[in-house]
Amino acid sequence: MVEGAFLYILRCSDGSFYIGTTRTALEIRIAQHNAGTFGGYTATRRPVTLVFSQWFDRITDAVENERKLKKWSRAKKEAFIRGDYAALQLLSARRSPHRRTSENG
């Protein structure tokens, strides 16, 4: 049994992104998306194109990263896919400063 998994990002025909994980061969999983095998989000947004993939030795790491990426803005996802880590860092900066509290009130 395979211990690890792929994290992958697909660009759908409507321009949206789908983020998923799979233990199966990546080519097979993308073909399943394009065939509409499992229904769901990509079934009505075909064809899909693979724009990013990464292998993780542990499926738990792949799933953890999938959940993190799904919460990101579109701009952050696009920077990540491009490998533009400078832009990703800027987009990850806090949008509003934390309020500082003093010990004396």
PDB file of N, CA and C in Angstrom:
ATOM      1  N   MET A   1       0.841  -1.190   0.000  1.00  0.00           N
ATOM      2  CA  MET A   1       0.000   0.000   0.000  1.00  0.00           C
ATOM      3  C   MET A   1       0.882   1.249   0.000  1.00  0.00           C
ATOM      4  N   VAL A   2       0.497   2.215  -0.782  1.00  0.00           N
ATOM      5  CA  VAL A   2       1.232   3.471  -0.874  1.00  0.00           C
ATOM      6  C   VAL A   2       0.960   4.299   0.377  1.00  0.00           C
ATOM      7  N   GLU A   3       2.028   4.796   0.982  1.00  0.00           N
ATOM      8  CA  GLU A   3       1.880   5.605   2.194  1.00  0.00           C
ATOM      9  C   GLU A   3       1.624   7.073   1.880  1.00  0.00           C
ATOM     10  N   GLY A   4       2.204   7.557   0.796  1.00  0.00           N
ATOM     11  CA  GLY A   4       2.138   8.969   0.488  1.00  0.00           C
ATOM     12  C   GLY A   4       0.995   9.321  -0.436  1.00  0.00           C
ATOM     13  N   ALA A   5       1.011  10.572  -0.880  1.00  0.00           N
ATOM     14  CA  ALA A   5      -0.048  11.051  -1.770  1.00  0.00           C
ATOM     15  C   ALA A   5       0.424  12.298  -2.500  1.00  0.00           C
ATOM     16  N   PHE A   6      -0.232  12.562  -3.623  1.00  0.00           N
ATOM     17  CA  PHE A   6      -0.021  13.797  -4.358  1.00  0.00           C
ATOM     18  C   PHE A   6      -1.001  14.849  -3.883  1.00  0.00           C
ATOM     19  N   LEU A   7      -0.515  16.068  -3.757  1.00  0.00           N
ATOM     20  CA  LEU A   7      -1.346  17.258  -3.657  1.00  0.00           C
ATOM     21  C   LEU A   7      -1.344  17.836  -5.060  1.00  0.00           C
ATOM     22  N   TYR A   8      -2.500  18.215  -5.565  1.00  0.00           N
ATOM     23  CA  TYR A   8      -2.534  18.757  -6.924  1.00  0.00           C
ATOM     24  C   TYR A   8      -3.529  19.906  -7.028  1.00  0.00           C
ATOM     25  N   ILE A   9      -3.261  20.778  -8.010  1.00  0.00           N
ATOM     26  CA  ILE A   9      -4.154  21.892  -8.307  1.00  0.00           C
ATOM     27  C   ILE A   9      -4.503  21.807  -9.782  1.00  0.00           C
ATOM     28  N   LEU A  10      -5.804  21.875 -10.063  1.00  0.00           N
ATOM     29  CA  LEU A  10      -6.301  21.867 -11.426  1.00  0.00           C
ATOM     30  C   LEU A  10      -6.889  23.229 -11.757  1.00  0.00           C
ATOM     31  N   ARG A  11      -6.684  23.667 -13.003  1.00  0.00           N
ATOM     32  CA  ARG A  11      -7.388  24.845 -13.503  1.00  0.00           C
ATOM     33  C   ARG A  11      -8.573  24.307 -14.292  1.00  0.00           C
ATOM     34  N   CYS A  12      -9.763  24.733 -13.918  1.00  0.00           N
ATOM     35  CA  CYS A  12     -10.988  24.280 -14.578  1.00  0.00           C
ATOM     36  C   CYS A  12     -11.273  25.152 -15.800  1.00  0.00           C
ATOM     37  N   SER A  13     -12.180  24.689 -16.646  1.00  0.00           N
ATOM     38  CA  SER A  13     -12.503  25.411 -17.880  1.00  0.00           C
ATOM     39  C   SER A  13     -13.071  26.801 -17.614  1.00  0.00           C
ATOM     40  N   ASP A  14     -13.661  27.010 -16.437  1.00  0.00           N
ATOM     41  CA  ASP A  14     -14.197  28.341 -16.099  1.00  0.00           C
ATOM     42  C   ASP A  14     -13.145  29.238 -15.437  1.00  0.00           C
ATOM     43  N   GLY A  15     -11.904  28.757 -15.348  1.00  0.00           N
ATOM     44  CA  GLY A  15     -10.819  29.531 -14.754  1.00  0.00           C
ATOM     45  C   GLY A  15     -10.651  29.330 -13.263  1.00  0.00           C
ATOM     46  N   SER A  16     -11.567  28.633 -12.628  1.00  0.00           N
ATOM     47  CA  SER A  16     -11.456  28.388 -11.190  1.00  0.00           C
ATOM     48  C   SER A  16     -10.411  27.299 -10.934  1.00  0.00           C
ATOM     49  N   PHE A  17     -10.016  27.173  -9.678  1.00  0.00           N
ATOM     50  CA  PHE A  17      -9.050  26.152  -9.278  1.00  0.00           C
ATOM     51  C   PHE A  17      -9.736  25.079  -8.453  1.00  0.00           C
ATOM     52  N   TYR A  18      -9.263  23.855  -8.619  1.00  0.00           N
ATOM     53  CA  TYR A  18      -9.680  22.744  -7.775  1.00  0.00           C
ATOM     54  C   TYR A  18      -8.423  22.197  -7.128  1.00  0.00           C
ATOM     55  N   ILE A  19      -8.455  22.004  -5.821  1.00  0.00           N
ATOM     56  CA  ILE A  19      -7.314  21.492  -5.079  1.00  0.00           C
ATOM     57  C   ILE A  19      -7.712  20.157  -4.475  1.00  0.00           C
ATOM     58  N   GLY A  20      -6.873  19.151  -4.686  1.00  0.00           N
ATOM     59  CA  GLY A  20      -7.183  17.830  -4.172  1.00  0.00           C
ATOM     60  C   GLY A  20      -5.937  17.035  -3.843  1.00  0.00           C
ATOM     61  N   THR A  21      -6.152  15.850  -3.300  1.00  0.00           N
ATOM     62  CA  THR A  21      -5.076  14.901  -3.023  1.00  0.00           C
ATOM     63  C   THR A  21      -5.478  13.552  -3.581  1.00  0.00           C
ATOM     64  N   THR A  22      -4.478  12.752  -3.919  1.00  0.00           N
ATOM     65  CA  THR A  22      -4.748  11.406  -4.400  1.00  0.00           C
ATOM     66  C   THR A  22      -3.584  10.488  -4.100  1.00  0.00           C
ATOM     67  N   ARG A  23      -3.912   9.235  -3.822  1.00  0.00           N
ATOM     68  CA  ARG A  23      -2.900   8.195  -3.658  1.00  0.00           C
ATOM     69  C   ARG A  23      -2.662   7.469  -4.978  1.00  0.00           C
ATOM     70  N   THR A  24      -3.589   7.610  -5.901  1.00  0.00           N
ATOM     71  CA  THR A  24      -3.436   6.945  -7.195  1.00  0.00           C
ATOM     72  C   THR A  24      -2.480   7.736  -8.075  1.00  0.00           C
ATOM     73  N   ALA A  25      -2.118   7.156  -9.199  1.00  0.00           N
ATOM     74  CA  ALA A  25      -1.253   7.863 -10.150  1.00  0.00           C
ATOM     75  C   ALA A  25      -1.933   9.158 -10.566  1.00  0.00           C
ATOM     76  N   LEU A  26      -1.176  10.213 -10.618  1.00  0.00           N
ATOM     77  CA  LEU A  26      -1.722  11.535 -10.902  1.00  0.00           C
ATOM     78  C   LEU A  26      -2.403  11.585 -12.266  1.00  0.00           C
ATOM     79  N   GLU A  27      -1.815  10.943 -13.267  1.00  0.00           N
ATOM     80  CA  GLU A  27      -2.395  10.934 -14.610  1.00  0.00           C
ATOM     81  C   GLU A  27      -3.779  10.278 -14.607  1.00  0.00           C
ATOM     82  N   ILE A  28      -3.924   9.224 -13.833  1.00  0.00           N
ATOM     83  CA  ILE A  28      -5.216   8.528 -13.731  1.00  0.00           C
ATOM     84  C   ILE A  28      -6.238   9.437 -13.064  1.00  0.00           C
ATOM     85  N   ARG A  29      -5.838  10.107 -11.997  1.00  0.00           N
ATOM     86  CA  ARG A  29      -6.774  10.967 -11.263  1.00  0.00           C
ATOM     87  C   ARG A  29      -7.248  12.130 -12.127  1.00  0.00           C
ATOM     88  N   ILE A  30      -6.357  12.726 -12.899  1.00  0.00           N
ATOM     89  CA  ILE A  30      -6.757  13.833 -13.773  1.00  0.00           C
ATOM     90  C   ILE A  30      -7.701  13.322 -14.860  1.00  0.00           C
ATOM     91  N   ALA A  31      -7.424  12.149 -15.391  1.00  0.00           N
ATOM     92  CA  ALA A  31      -8.317  11.553 -16.395  1.00  0.00           C
ATOM     93  C   ALA A  31      -9.697  11.306 -15.792  1.00  0.00           C
ATOM     94  N   GLN A  32      -9.750  10.892 -14.528  1.00  0.00           N
ATOM     95  CA  GLN A  32     -11.036  10.693 -13.854  1.00  0.00           C
ATOM     96  C   GLN A  32     -11.791  12.009 -13.731  1.00  0.00           C
ATOM     97  N   HIS A  33     -11.086  13.083 -13.393  1.00  0.00           N
ATOM     98  CA  HIS A  33     -11.732  14.398 -13.334  1.00  0.00           C
ATOM     99  C   HIS A  33     -12.295  14.765 -14.703  1.00  0.00           C
ATOM    100  N   ASN A  34     -11.497  14.579 -15.747  1.00  0.00           N
ATOM    101  CA  ASN A  34     -11.927  14.963 -17.095  1.00  0.00           C
ATOM    102  C   ASN A  34     -13.042  14.076 -17.631  1.00  0.00           C
ATOM    103  N   ALA A  35     -13.157  12.864 -17.111  1.00  0.00           N
ATOM    104  CA  ALA A  35     -14.236  11.967 -17.522  1.00  0.00           C
ATOM    105  C   ALA A  35     -15.503  12.183 -16.697  1.00  0.00           C
ATOM    106  N   GLY A  36     -15.395  12.942 -15.608  1.00  0.00           N
ATOM    107  CA  GLY A  36     -16.544  13.153 -14.731  1.00  0.00           C
ATOM    108  C   GLY A  36     -16.867  11.939 -13.891  1.00  0.00           C
ATOM    109  N   THR A  37     -15.894  11.080 -13.687  1.00  0.00           N
ATOM    110  CA  THR A  37     -16.083   9.805 -12.983  1.00  0.00           C
ATOM    111  C   THR A  37     -16.715   9.956 -11.616  1.00  0.00           C
ATOM    112  N   PHE A  38     -16.292  10.962 -10.857  1.00  0.00           N
ATOM    113  CA  PHE A  38     -16.760  11.103  -9.483  1.00  0.00           C
ATOM    114  C   PHE A  38     -17.759  12.232  -9.286  1.00  0.00           C
ATOM    115  N   GLY A  39     -18.117  12.919 -10.336  1.00  0.00           N
ATOM    116  CA  GLY A  39     -19.030  14.051 -10.162  1.00  0.00           C
ATOM    117  C   GLY A  39     -18.348  15.151  -9.383  1.00  0.00           C
ATOM    118  N   GLY A  40     -19.101  15.905  -8.632  1.00  0.00           N
ATOM    119  CA  GLY A  40     -18.529  16.945  -7.796  1.00  0.00           C
ATOM    120  C   GLY A  40     -18.164  18.204  -8.556  1.00  0.00           C
ATOM    121  N   TYR A  41     -17.287  18.979  -7.971  1.00  0.00           N
ATOM    122  CA  TYR A  41     -16.957  20.324  -8.445  1.00  0.00           C
ATOM    123  C   TYR A  41     -16.494  20.351  -9.895  1.00  0.00           C
ATOM    124  N   THR A  42     -15.594  19.458 -10.261  1.00  0.00           N
ATOM    125  CA  THR A  42     -15.012  19.525 -11.603  1.00  0.00           C
ATOM    126  C   THR A  42     -15.912  18.948 -12.689  1.00  0.00           C
ATOM    127  N   ALA A  43     -16.936  18.223 -12.325  1.00  0.00           N
ATOM    128  CA  ALA A  43     -17.787  17.553 -13.323  1.00  0.00           C
ATOM    129  C   ALA A  43     -18.417  18.528 -14.305  1.00  0.00           C
ATOM    130  N   THR A  44     -18.758  19.712 -13.845  1.00  0.00           N
ATOM    131  CA  THR A  44     -19.391  20.710 -14.720  1.00  0.00           C
ATOM    132  C   THR A  44     -18.404  21.786 -15.184  1.00  0.00           C
ATOM    133  N   ARG A  45     -17.123  21.572 -14.891  1.00  0.00           N
ATOM    134  CA  ARG A  45     -16.104  22.564 -15.237  1.00  0.00           C
ATOM    135  C   ARG A  45     -14.978  21.933 -16.054  1.00  0.00           C
ATOM    136  N   ARG A  46     -15.323  20.960 -16.876  1.00  0.00           N
ATOM    137  CA  ARG A  46     -14.328  20.251 -17.689  1.00  0.00           C
ATOM    138  C   ARG A  46     -14.148  20.941 -19.023  1.00  0.00           C
ATOM    139  N   PRO A  47     -12.981  20.787 -19.614  1.00  0.00           N
ATOM    140  CA  PRO A  47     -11.845  19.988 -19.146  1.00  0.00           C
ATOM    141  C   PRO A  47     -11.037  20.724 -18.079  1.00  0.00           C
ATOM    142  N   VAL A  48     -10.276  19.944 -17.336  1.00  0.00           N
ATOM    143  CA  VAL A  48      -9.386  20.498 -16.324  1.00  0.00           C
ATOM    144  C   VAL A  48      -7.947  20.280 -16.769  1.00  0.00           C
ATOM    145  N   THR A  49      -7.076  21.146 -16.272  1.00  0.00           N
ATOM    146  CA  THR A  49      -5.654  21.067 -16.605  1.00  0.00           C
ATOM    147  C   THR A  49      -4.844  21.091 -15.321  1.00  0.00           C
ATOM    148  N   LEU A  50      -3.884  20.210 -15.208  1.00  0.00           N
ATOM    149  CA  LEU A  50      -2.999  20.187 -14.047  1.00  0.00           C
ATOM    150  C   LEU A  50      -2.073  21.397 -14.105  1.00  0.00           C
ATOM    151  N   VAL A  51      -2.035  22.194 -13.025  1.00  0.00           N
ATOM    152  CA  VAL A  51      -1.154  23.357 -12.981  1.00  0.00           C
ATOM    153  C   VAL A  51      -0.114  23.259 -11.865  1.00  0.00           C
ATOM    154  N   PHE A  52      -0.304  22.309 -10.946  1.00  0.00           N
ATOM    155  CA  PHE A  52       0.667  22.115  -9.861  1.00  0.00           C
ATOM    156  C   PHE A  52       0.483  20.733  -9.265  1.00  0.00           C
ATOM    157  N   SER A  53       1.596  20.103  -8.894  1.00  0.00           N
ATOM    158  CA  SER A  53       1.525  18.866  -8.124  1.00  0.00           C
ATOM    159  C   SER A  53       2.769  18.731  -7.262  1.00  0.00           C
ATOM    160  N   GLN A  54       2.596  18.066  -6.151  1.00  0.00           N
ATOM    161  CA  GLN A  54       3.708  17.801  -5.242  1.00  0.00           C
ATOM    162  C   GLN A  54       3.445  16.482  -4.532  1.00  0.00           C
ATOM    163  N   TRP A  55       4.465  15.629  -4.459  1.00  0.00           N
ATOM    164  CA  TRP A  55       4.365  14.354  -3.762  1.00  0.00           C
ATOM    165  C   TRP A  55       4.730  14.555  -2.299  1.00  0.00           C
ATOM    166  N   PHE A  56       3.953  13.961  -1.409  1.00  0.00           N
ATOM    167  CA  PHE A  56       4.243  13.943   0.018  1.00  0.00           C
ATOM    168  C   PHE A  56       4.400  12.497   0.454  1.00  0.00           C
ATOM    169  N   ASP A  57       5.405  12.225   1.258  1.00  0.00           N
ATOM    170  CA  ASP A  57       5.642  10.856   1.725  1.00  0.00           C
ATOM    171  C   ASP A  57       4.549  10.369   2.667  1.00  0.00           C
ATOM    172  N   ARG A  58       3.867  11.306   3.309  1.00  0.00           N
ATOM    173  CA  ARG A  58       2.754  10.946   4.204  1.00  0.00           C
ATOM    174  C   ARG A  58       1.482  11.622   3.719  1.00  0.00           C
ATOM    175  N   ILE A  59       0.410  10.852   3.604  1.00  0.00           N
ATOM    176  CA  ILE A  59      -0.861  11.419   3.126  1.00  0.00           C
ATOM    177  C   ILE A  59      -1.358  12.509   4.063  1.00  0.00           C
ATOM    178  N   THR A  60      -1.058  12.388   5.343  1.00  0.00           N
ATOM    179  CA  THR A  60      -1.515  13.407   6.289  1.00  0.00           C
ATOM    180  C   THR A  60      -0.904  14.774   5.957  1.00  0.00           C
ATOM    181  N   ASP A  61       0.335  14.783   5.470  1.00  0.00           N
ATOM    182  CA  ASP A  61       0.962  16.049   5.071  1.00  0.00           C
ATOM    183  C   ASP A  61       0.292  16.619   3.824  1.00  0.00           C
ATOM    184  N   ALA A  62      -0.048  15.752   2.872  1.00  0.00           N
ATOM    185  CA  ALA A  62      -0.726  16.200   1.653  1.00  0.00           C
ATOM    186  C   ALA A  62      -2.087  16.806   1.998  1.00  0.00           C
ATOM    187  N   VAL A  63      -2.843  16.145   2.857  1.00  0.00           N
ATOM    188  CA  VAL A  63      -4.172  16.624   3.244  1.00  0.00           C
ATOM    189  C   VAL A  63      -4.066  17.931   4.034  1.00  0.00           C
ATOM    190  N   GLU A  64      -3.083  18.027   4.906  1.00  0.00           N
ATOM    191  CA  GLU A  64      -2.881  19.265   5.676  1.00  0.00           C
ATOM    192  C   GLU A  64      -2.613  20.445   4.741  1.00  0.00           C
ATOM    193  N   ASN A  65      -1.771  20.235   3.736  1.00  0.00           N
ATOM    194  CA  ASN A  65      -1.475  21.297   2.781  1.00  0.00           C
ATOM    195  C   ASN A  65      -2.669  21.604   1.885  1.00  0.00           C
ATOM    196  N   GLU A  66      -3.443  20.594   1.534  1.00  0.00           N
ATOM    197  CA  GLU A  66      -4.668  20.812   0.747  1.00  0.00           C
ATOM    198  C   GLU A  66      -5.616  21.743   1.498  1.00  0.00           C
ATOM    199  N   ARG A  67      -5.833  21.468   2.752  1.00  0.00           N
ATOM    200  CA  ARG A  67      -6.738  22.293   3.566  1.00  0.00           C
ATOM    201  C   ARG A  67      -6.237  23.720   3.683  1.00  0.00           C
ATOM    202  N   LYS A  68      -4.923  23.880   3.829  1.00  0.00           N
ATOM    203  CA  LYS A  68      -4.336  25.220   3.929  1.00  0.00           C
ATOM    204  C   LYS A  68      -4.542  25.991   2.627  1.00  0.00           C
ATOM    205  N   LEU A  69      -4.229  25.358   1.498  1.00  0.00           N
ATOM    206  CA  LEU A  69      -4.346  26.029   0.197  1.00  0.00           C
ATOM    207  C   LEU A  69      -5.784  26.412  -0.126  1.00  0.00           C
ATOM    208  N   LYS A  70      -6.734  25.586   0.251  1.00  0.00           N
ATOM    209  CA  LYS A  70      -8.136  25.870  -0.047  1.00  0.00           C
ATOM    210  C   LYS A  70      -8.621  27.149   0.622  1.00  0.00           C
ATOM    211  N   LYS A  71      -7.970  27.554   1.698  1.00  0.00           N
ATOM    212  CA  LYS A  71      -8.359  28.773   2.414  1.00  0.00           C
ATOM    213  C   LYS A  71      -7.736  30.028   1.817  1.00  0.00           C
ATOM    214  N   TRP A  72      -6.774  29.859   0.929  1.00  0.00           N
ATOM    215  CA  TRP A  72      -6.057  31.000   0.369  1.00  0.00           C
ATOM    216  C   TRP A  72      -6.899  31.750  -0.644  1.00  0.00           C
ATOM    217  N   SER A  73      -6.567  33.015  -0.831  1.00  0.00           N
ATOM    218  CA  SER A  73      -7.198  33.830  -1.869  1.00  0.00           C
ATOM    219  C   SER A  73      -6.731  33.340  -3.239  1.00  0.00           C
ATOM    220  N   ARG A  74      -7.468  33.733  -4.253  1.00  0.00           N
ATOM    221  CA  ARG A  74      -7.085  33.377  -5.621  1.00  0.00           C
ATOM    222  C   ARG A  74      -5.690  33.918  -5.951  1.00  0.00           C
ATOM    223  N   ALA A  75      -5.408  35.159  -5.536  1.00  0.00           N
ATOM    224  CA  ALA A  75      -4.107  35.773  -5.811  1.00  0.00           C
ATOM    225  C   ALA A  75      -2.967  34.960  -5.185  1.00  0.00           C
ATOM    226  N   LYS A  76      -3.157  34.493  -3.967  1.00  0.00           N
ATOM    227  CA  LYS A  76      -2.131  33.679  -3.312  1.00  0.00           C
ATOM    228  C   LYS A  76      -1.958  32.355  -4.039  1.00  0.00           C
ATOM    229  N   LYS A  77      -3.056  31.732  -4.455  1.00  0.00           N
ATOM    230  CA  LYS A  77      -2.959  30.471  -5.194  1.00  0.00           C
ATOM    231  C   LYS A  77      -2.206  30.671  -6.498  1.00  0.00           C
ATOM    232  N   GLU A  78      -2.496  31.757  -7.209  1.00  0.00           N
ATOM    233  CA  GLU A  78      -1.824  32.025  -8.479  1.00  0.00           C
ATOM    234  C   GLU A  78      -0.329  32.256  -8.274  1.00  0.00           C
ATOM    235  N   ALA A  79       0.048  32.998  -7.233  1.00  0.00           N
ATOM    236  CA  ALA A  79       1.462  33.225  -6.933  1.00  0.00           C
ATOM    237  C   ALA A  79       2.153  31.908  -6.592  1.00  0.00           C
ATOM    238  N   PHE A  80       1.491  31.070  -5.834  1.00  0.00           N
ATOM    239  CA  PHE A  80       2.032  29.763  -5.460  1.00  0.00           C
ATOM    240  C   PHE A  80       2.256  28.893  -6.690  1.00  0.00           C
ATOM    241  N   ILE A  81       1.271  28.846  -7.573  1.00  0.00           N
ATOM    242  CA  ILE A  81       1.373  28.050  -8.802  1.00  0.00           C
ATOM    243  C   ILE A  81       2.532  28.553  -9.660  1.00  0.00           C
ATOM    244  N   ARG A  82       2.702  29.864  -9.751  1.00  0.00           N
ATOM    245  CA  ARG A  82       3.793  30.462 -10.538  1.00  0.00           C
ATOM    246  C   ARG A  82       5.151  30.247  -9.890  1.00  0.00           C
ATOM    247  N   GLY A  83       5.153  29.922  -8.597  1.00  0.00           N
ATOM    248  CA  GLY A  83       6.411  29.824  -7.865  1.00  0.00           C
ATOM    249  C   GLY A  83       6.956  31.194  -7.500  1.00  0.00           C
ATOM    250  N   ASP A  84       6.079  32.181  -7.450  1.00  0.00           N
ATOM    251  CA  ASP A  84       6.447  33.561  -7.133  1.00  0.00           C
ATOM    252  C   ASP A  84       6.363  33.744  -5.621  1.00  0.00           C
ATOM    253  N   TYR A  85       7.410  33.319  -4.942  1.00  0.00           N
ATOM    254  CA  TYR A  85       7.380  33.316  -3.485  1.00  0.00           C
ATOM    255  C   TYR A  85       7.484  34.712  -2.884  1.00  0.00           C
ATOM    256  N   ALA A  86       8.059  35.659  -3.624  1.00  0.00           N
ATOM    257  CA  ALA A  86       8.092  37.046  -3.142  1.00  0.00           C
ATOM    258  C   ALA A  86       6.663  37.607  -3.091  1.00  0.00           C
ATOM    259  N   ALA A  87       5.901  37.387  -4.163  1.00  0.00           N
ATOM    260  CA  ALA A  87       4.510  37.847  -4.185  1.00  0.00           C
ATOM    261  C   ALA A  87       3.692  37.113  -3.132  1.00  0.00           C
ATOM    262  N   LEU A  88       3.944  35.837  -2.965  1.00  0.00           N
ATOM    263  CA  LEU A  88       3.221  35.046  -1.967  1.00  0.00           C
ATOM    264  C   LEU A  88       3.466  35.596  -0.570  1.00  0.00           C
ATOM    265  N   GLN A  89       4.699  35.967  -0.306  1.00  0.00           N
ATOM    266  CA  GLN A  89       5.029  36.534   1.005  1.00  0.00           C
ATOM    267  C   GLN A  89       4.299  37.855   1.222  1.00  0.00           C
ATOM    268  N   LEU A  90       4.261  38.706   0.200  1.00  0.00           N
ATOM    269  CA  LEU A  90       3.545  39.980   0.311  1.00  0.00           C
ATOM    270  C   LEU A  90       2.051  39.757   0.517  1.00  0.00           C
ATOM    271  N   LEU A  91       1.488  38.802  -0.217  1.00  0.00           N
ATOM    272  CA  LEU A  91       0.060  38.526  -0.095  1.00  0.00           C
ATOM    273  C   LEU A  91      -0.291  37.880   1.239  1.00  0.00           C
ATOM    274  N   SER A  92       0.701  37.282   1.878  1.00  0.00           N
ATOM    275  CA  SER A  92       0.479  36.620   3.163  1.00  0.00           C
ATOM    276  C   SER A  92       0.600  37.575   4.345  1.00  0.00           C
ATOM    277  N   ALA A  93       1.095  38.782   4.095  1.00  0.00           N
ATOM    278  CA  ALA A  93       1.243  39.764   5.174  1.00  0.00           C
ATOM    279  C   ALA A  93      -0.127  40.121   5.726  1.00  0.00           C
ATOM    280  N   ARG A  94      -0.174  40.413   6.986  1.00  0.00           N
ATOM    281  CA  ARG A  94      -1.445  40.775   7.624  1.00  0.00           C
ATOM    282  C   ARG A  94      -2.025  42.013   6.967  1.00  0.00           C
ATOM    283  N   ARG A  95      -3.318  41.969   6.710  1.00  0.00           N
ATOM    284  CA  ARG A  95      -3.990  43.102   6.070  1.00  0.00           C
ATOM    285  C   ARG A  95      -4.275  44.225   7.064  1.00  0.00           C
ATOM    286  N   SER A  96      -4.449  43.882   8.336  1.00  0.00           N
ATOM    287  CA  SER A  96      -4.661  44.905   9.350  1.00  0.00           C
ATOM    288  C   SER A  96      -3.748  44.589  10.536  1.00  0.00           C
ATOM    289  N   PRO A  97      -3.152  45.611  11.127  1.00  0.00           N
ATOM    290  CA  PRO A  97      -2.221  45.372  12.232  1.00  0.00           C
ATOM    291  C   PRO A  97      -2.954  44.866  13.461  1.00  0.00           C
ATOM    292  N   HIS A  98      -2.225  44.072  14.228  1.00  0.00           N
ATOM    293  CA  HIS A  98      -2.762  43.619  15.506  1.00  0.00           C
ATOM    294  C   HIS A  98      -2.824  44.801  16.465  1.00  0.00           C
ATOM    295  N   ARG A  99      -3.818  44.781  17.287  1.00  0.00           N
ATOM    296  CA  ARG A  99      -3.870  45.799  18.340  1.00  0.00           C
ATOM    297  C   ARG A  99      -2.911  45.377  19.434  1.00  0.00           C
ATOM    298  N   ARG A 100      -2.143  46.298  19.851  1.00  0.00           N
ATOM    299  CA  ARG A 100      -1.212  46.019  20.935  1.00  0.00           C
ATOM    300  C   ARG A 100      -1.889  46.373  22.257  1.00  0.00           C
ATOM    301  N   THR A 101      -1.748  45.516  23.176  1.00  0.00           N
ATOM    302  CA  THR A 101      -2.283  45.818  24.519  1.00  0.00           C
ATOM    303  C   THR A 101      -1.124  45.967  25.466  1.00  0.00           C
ATOM    304  N   SER A 102      -1.203  46.948  26.306  1.00  0.00           N
ATOM    305  CA  SER A 102      -0.136  47.144  27.286  1.00  0.00           C
ATOM    306  C   SER A 102      -0.546  46.485  28.590  1.00  0.00           C
ATOM    307  N   GLU A 103       0.456  46.211  29.385  1.00  0.00           N
ATOM    308  CA  GLU A 103       0.185  45.583  30.674  1.00  0.00           C
ATOM    309  C   GLU A 103      -0.538  46.533  31.631  1.00  0.00           C
ATOM    310  N   ASN A 104      -0.383  47.835  31.388  1.00  0.00           N
ATOM    311  CA  ASN A 104      -0.979  48.821  32.292  1.00  0.00           C
ATOM    312  C   ASN A 104      -2.306  49.356  31.799  1.00  0.00           C
ATOM    313  N   GLY A 105      -2.879  48.757  30.797  1.00  0.00           N
ATOM    314  CA  GLY A 105      -4.200  49.173  30.430  1.00  0.00           C
ATOM    315  C   GLY A 105      -4.302  49.752  29.117  1.00  0.00           C
TER     316      GLY A 105
END
